[in-house]
Amino acid sequence: MSIQNPEEAVMRQHMREEIYDLLRGLDSREKQVMVLRYGFKDNQPKSLAEIGRLFRVSKERVRKIEKKIMIKLRDEGIRRNLSRYMIL
C-alpha cells in the first residue's frame, strides 16, 4: 500500500462513499456481484467463475449481470458527474 497525501486520501474516501451510494440503487444480488467482483469490502476482487460458484450460476450469467449493472451505473454516474474519479 502506498502512502497517500491528505488530499488524495480525502478524494478516495469521497469516491468510496459515492460508489456505495450508487450501489444502494442496485438490487441485492447486483450489489453482491459488484462488491465481490471489485473487492469493495476486502480488496480481493473475485473472478466471474468464483462468483458463479457462490451464486450457483455460470460465469457467463455473472458476466451478463455485471454488464447490466455497469450500464445502470454508467447512466447514474453520468447524471451525477462522477467522471472526476476516473483518474484514480
Protein backbone atom coordinates (compact mmCIF):
# COMPACT_ATOMS: atom_id res chain seq x y z
CA MET A 1 0.00 0.00 0.00
CA SER A 2 1.41 3.40 -0.93
CA ILE A 3 1.44 6.45 1.28
CA GLN A 4 -1.25 8.93 0.25
CA ASN A 5 -1.18 12.65 0.70
CA PRO A 6 -4.15 14.05 2.68
CA GLU A 7 -5.88 15.42 -0.41
CA GLU A 8 -5.72 12.05 -2.18
CA ALA A 9 -6.97 10.26 0.94
CA VAL A 10 -9.99 12.59 1.17
CA MET A 11 -10.69 12.18 -2.55
CA ARG A 12 -10.59 8.38 -2.24
CA GLN A 13 -12.90 8.48 0.78
CA HIS A 14 -15.40 10.61 -1.16
CA MET A 15 -15.11 8.23 -4.11
CA ARG A 16 -15.78 5.23 -1.85
CA GLU A 17 -18.86 6.96 -0.40
CA GLU A 18 -20.16 7.81 -3.89
CA ILE A 19 -19.63 4.21 -5.05
CA TYR A 20 -21.56 2.81 -2.09
CA ASP A 21 -24.27 5.39 -2.71
CA LEU A 22 -24.53 4.18 -6.32
CA LEU A 23 -24.64 0.55 -5.15
CA ARG A 24 -27.66 1.36 -3.00
CA GLY A 25 -29.62 1.76 -6.23
CA LEU A 26 -29.00 -1.88 -7.17
CA ASP A 27 -30.95 -4.91 -6.07
CA SER A 28 -29.37 -7.21 -3.50
CA ARG A 29 -27.89 -9.71 -5.96
CA GLU A 30 -26.46 -7.00 -8.19
CA LYS A 31 -24.88 -5.28 -5.21
CA GLN A 32 -23.31 -8.55 -4.04
CA VAL A 33 -21.90 -9.21 -7.51
CA MET A 34 -20.25 -5.77 -7.64
CA VAL A 35 -18.84 -5.98 -4.12
CA LEU A 36 -17.34 -9.40 -4.85
CA ARG A 37 -16.18 -8.63 -8.39
CA TYR A 38 -14.30 -5.47 -7.47
CA GLY A 39 -13.31 -6.35 -3.90
CA PHE A 40 -15.02 -3.34 -2.33
CA LYS A 41 -15.07 -4.89 1.14
CA ASP A 42 -11.88 -6.93 1.31
CA ASN A 43 -9.75 -5.58 -1.57
CA GLN A 44 -9.81 -9.11 -3.04
CA PRO A 45 -11.62 -8.99 -6.40
CA LYS A 46 -13.24 -12.27 -7.40
CA SER A 47 -13.33 -13.81 -10.86
CA LEU A 48 -16.54 -14.41 -12.77
CA ALA A 49 -16.10 -18.14 -12.14
CA GLU A 50 -15.68 -17.65 -8.38
CA ILE A 51 -18.80 -15.51 -8.18
CA GLY A 52 -20.67 -18.01 -10.35
CA ARG A 53 -19.84 -20.80 -7.92
CA LEU A 54 -21.08 -18.70 -4.99
CA PHE A 55 -24.38 -17.95 -6.73
CA ARG A 56 -24.61 -21.38 -8.40
CA VAL A 57 -24.78 -19.90 -11.90
CA SER A 58 -22.41 -19.94 -14.85
CA LYS A 59 -19.66 -17.38 -15.20
CA GLU A 60 -21.39 -16.26 -18.39
CA ARG A 61 -24.52 -15.45 -16.35
CA VAL A 62 -22.40 -13.42 -13.91
CA ARG A 63 -20.84 -11.58 -16.86
CA LYS A 64 -24.31 -10.68 -18.15
CA ILE A 65 -25.38 -9.48 -14.70
CA GLU A 66 -22.21 -7.40 -14.45
CA LYS A 67 -22.81 -5.88 -17.90
CA LYS A 68 -26.37 -4.91 -16.94
CA ILE A 69 -25.11 -3.35 -13.71
CA MET A 70 -22.40 -1.37 -15.49
CA ILE A 71 -24.98 0.13 -17.84
CA LYS A 72 -27.11 1.17 -14.87
CA LEU A 73 -24.13 2.61 -13.01
CA ARG A 74 -22.75 4.39 -16.06
CA ASP A 75 -26.07 6.14 -16.65
CA GLU A 76 -26.33 7.11 -12.98
CA GLY A 77 -22.67 8.15 -12.87
CA ILE A 78 -23.15 10.42 -15.85
CA ARG A 79 -26.16 12.00 -14.19
CA ARG A 80 -24.09 12.58 -11.05
CA ASN A 81 -20.97 13.65 -12.99
CA LEU A 82 -18.65 11.16 -11.32
CA SER A 83 -16.06 11.45 -14.08
CA ARG A 84 -13.71 13.27 -11.68
CA TYR A 85 -12.91 9.88 -10.11
CA MET A 86 -11.94 8.19 -13.36
CA ILE A 87 -8.29 9.22 -12.95
CA LEU A 88 -7.85 7.45 -9.59
